[in-house]
């Protein structure tokens, strides 16, 4: 499964930390990857920081990553952007530090608990490892 993740990250220009033997990356690392993967979002990050006086990961992730991903999954969009967003979310969950993983857990997994239709559609995009985590969270809460 890790090799599948490495391949996904490579496909979207992301260099896998798993491949380098490093884990537990901070939010700044993922912001750099996000801007590299979605260059048009740099302005939104800057606006978010200007509006809030700092980067608030839970808010930004909910508004700019989780929301659009859910919308695309719910409305049966099958685009490269979904694959890029999913790869990004998986990297955050598998390689992020506690803060980064808490963002993914709180936002994506909470949303999946609320909308089983999205979970069913997400199965086509997320790795088995991440789907298992989602299912575990749904059972817990």
Protein backbone atom coordinates (compact mmCIF):
# COMPACT_ATOMS: atom_id res chain seq x y z
CA UNK A 1 0.00 0.00 0.00
CA UNK A 2 2.85 2.39 0.71
CA UNK A 3 4.19 1.80 -2.78
CA UNK A 4 0.79 2.70 -4.22
CA UNK A 5 0.88 5.94 -2.23
CA UNK A 6 4.40 6.72 -3.47
CA UNK A 7 3.26 6.18 -7.05
CA UNK A 8 0.24 8.45 -6.54
CA UNK A 9 2.38 11.19 -5.05
CA UNK A 10 4.89 10.92 -7.88
CA UNK A 11 2.10 11.12 -10.44
CA UNK A 12 1.13 14.54 -9.12
CA UNK A 13 4.63 15.93 -8.72
CA UNK A 14 4.79 15.24 -4.98
CA UNK A 15 7.94 13.71 -3.55
CA UNK A 16 7.10 11.07 -1.01
CA UNK A 17 8.65 11.34 2.41
CA UNK A 18 7.94 7.68 2.99
CA UNK A 19 10.40 6.89 0.20
CA UNK A 20 13.04 8.97 2.00
CA UNK A 21 12.34 7.30 5.33
CA UNK A 22 10.93 10.48 6.88
CA UNK A 23 7.55 10.95 8.48
CA UNK A 24 5.63 13.30 10.73
CA UNK A 25 5.70 16.40 8.52
CA UNK A 26 4.34 19.75 9.72
CA UNK A 27 1.59 21.80 8.10
CA UNK A 28 4.13 24.07 6.36
CA UNK A 29 5.35 21.10 4.33
CA UNK A 30 1.83 20.30 3.17
CA UNK A 31 1.12 23.94 2.34
CA UNK A 32 4.16 23.90 0.05
CA UNK A 33 2.93 20.70 -1.62
CA UNK A 34 -0.57 22.15 -1.91
CA UNK A 35 0.66 25.31 -3.63
CA UNK A 36 2.91 23.25 -5.91
CA UNK A 37 0.05 20.91 -6.83
CA UNK A 38 -2.64 23.63 -7.05
CA UNK A 39 -0.77 26.86 -7.95
CA UNK A 40 -4.01 28.82 -8.32
CA UNK A 41 -4.66 28.30 -4.57
CA UNK A 42 -1.68 30.38 -3.41
CA UNK A 43 -3.84 33.50 -3.48
CA UNK A 44 -6.47 31.83 -1.28
CA UNK A 45 -3.84 30.87 1.29
CA UNK A 46 -2.54 34.44 1.34
CA UNK A 47 -6.07 35.82 1.71
CA UNK A 48 -6.80 33.35 4.51
CA UNK A 49 -3.69 34.43 6.42
CA UNK A 50 -4.44 38.10 5.87
CA UNK A 51 -8.05 37.68 7.03
CA UNK A 52 -7.21 35.59 10.11
CA UNK A 53 -3.81 37.00 11.01
CA UNK A 54 -2.37 33.48 10.80
CA UNK A 55 -2.91 30.18 9.04
CA UNK A 56 -5.78 28.24 10.62
CA UNK A 57 -5.43 24.75 9.21
CA UNK A 58 -8.83 23.40 10.26
CA UNK A 59 -10.68 26.29 8.66
CA UNK A 60 -8.64 26.37 5.45
CA UNK A 61 -8.77 22.61 5.03
CA UNK A 62 -12.53 22.56 5.53
CA UNK A 63 -13.20 25.40 3.09
CA UNK A 64 -10.64 24.77 0.36
CA UNK A 65 -9.92 21.03 0.39
CA UNK A 66 -12.59 19.02 2.18
CA UNK A 67 -15.54 21.01 0.87
CA UNK A 68 -14.52 20.89 -2.80
CA UNK A 69 -13.54 17.22 -2.54
CA UNK A 70 -16.90 16.29 -1.03
CA UNK A 71 -18.77 18.32 -3.62
CA UNK A 72 -16.92 16.62 -6.46
CA UNK A 73 -17.44 13.15 -4.97
CA UNK A 74 -21.12 13.77 -4.21
CA UNK A 75 -21.80 15.05 -7.71
CA UNK A 76 -20.02 12.17 -9.43
CA UNK A 77 -17.22 14.26 -10.91
CA UNK A 78 -14.42 12.00 -12.11
CA UNK A 79 -11.63 14.42 -12.66
CA UNK A 80 -7.89 14.53 -12.22
CA UNK A 81 -8.51 17.14 -9.54
CA UNK A 82 -10.29 14.56 -7.36
CA UNK A 83 -7.29 12.26 -7.69
CA UNK A 84 -4.93 15.11 -6.77
CA UNK A 85 -7.05 16.11 -3.77
CA UNK A 86 -7.30 12.51 -2.58
CA UNK A 87 -3.53 12.00 -2.93
CA UNK A 88 -2.97 15.18 -0.95
CA UNK A 89 -5.40 14.16 1.82
CA UNK A 90 -3.84 10.70 2.02
CA UNK A 91 -0.34 12.17 2.28
CA UNK A 92 -1.53 14.42 5.12
CA UNK A 93 -3.07 11.47 6.94
CA UNK A 94 -0.16 9.08 6.43
CA UNK A 95 2.81 11.47 6.70
CA UNK A 96 1.59 14.41 8.76
CA UNK A 97 2.38 15.26 12.34
CA UNK A 98 -0.32 15.11 15.01
CA UNK A 99 -1.75 18.53 14.08
CA UNK A 100 -1.97 17.66 10.38
CA UNK A 101 -3.56 14.27 11.05
CA UNK A 102 -6.06 15.86 13.43
CA UNK A 103 -7.20 18.18 10.65
CA UNK A 104 -7.80 15.26 8.29
CA UNK A 105 -9.49 13.23 10.98
CA UNK A 106 -11.73 16.04 12.17
CA UNK A 107 -12.79 17.32 8.78
CA UNK A 108 -12.75 14.49 6.25
CA UNK A 109 -13.65 11.64 8.52
CA UNK A 110 -16.39 13.65 10.26
CA UNK A 111 -17.87 14.50 6.90
CA UNK A 112 -17.71 10.86 5.82
CA UNK A 113 -19.60 9.90 8.98
CA UNK A 114 -22.40 12.23 7.93
CA UNK A 115 -22.64 11.19 4.29
CA UNK A 116 -22.37 7.49 3.42
CA UNK A 117 -22.89 8.29 -0.26
CA UNK A 118 -19.57 10.12 -0.28
CA UNK A 119 -17.88 7.17 1.41
CA UNK A 120 -19.15 4.83 -1.30
CA UNK A 121 -17.93 7.15 -4.06
CA UNK A 122 -14.60 7.75 -2.29
CA UNK A 123 -13.81 4.04 -2.43
CA UNK A 124 -12.86 4.48 -6.07
CA UNK A 125 -10.14 6.98 -5.15
CA UNK A 126 -8.78 6.36 -1.63
CA UNK A 127 -6.30 3.63 -0.77
CA UNK A 128 -7.43 0.59 1.21
CA UNK A 129 -5.38 1.80 4.19
CA UNK A 130 -7.19 5.13 4.33
CA UNK A 131 -10.59 3.54 3.73
CA UNK A 132 -9.95 1.24 6.69
CA UNK A 133 -9.21 4.30 8.86
CA UNK A 134 -12.42 5.94 7.64
CA UNK A 135 -14.48 2.85 8.40
CA UNK A 136 -12.89 2.56 11.88
CA UNK A 137 -13.76 6.20 12.64
CA UNK A 138 -17.32 5.73 11.43
CA UNK A 139 -17.77 2.72 13.72
CA UNK A 140 -16.34 4.60 16.72
CA UNK A 141 -18.43 7.66 16.45
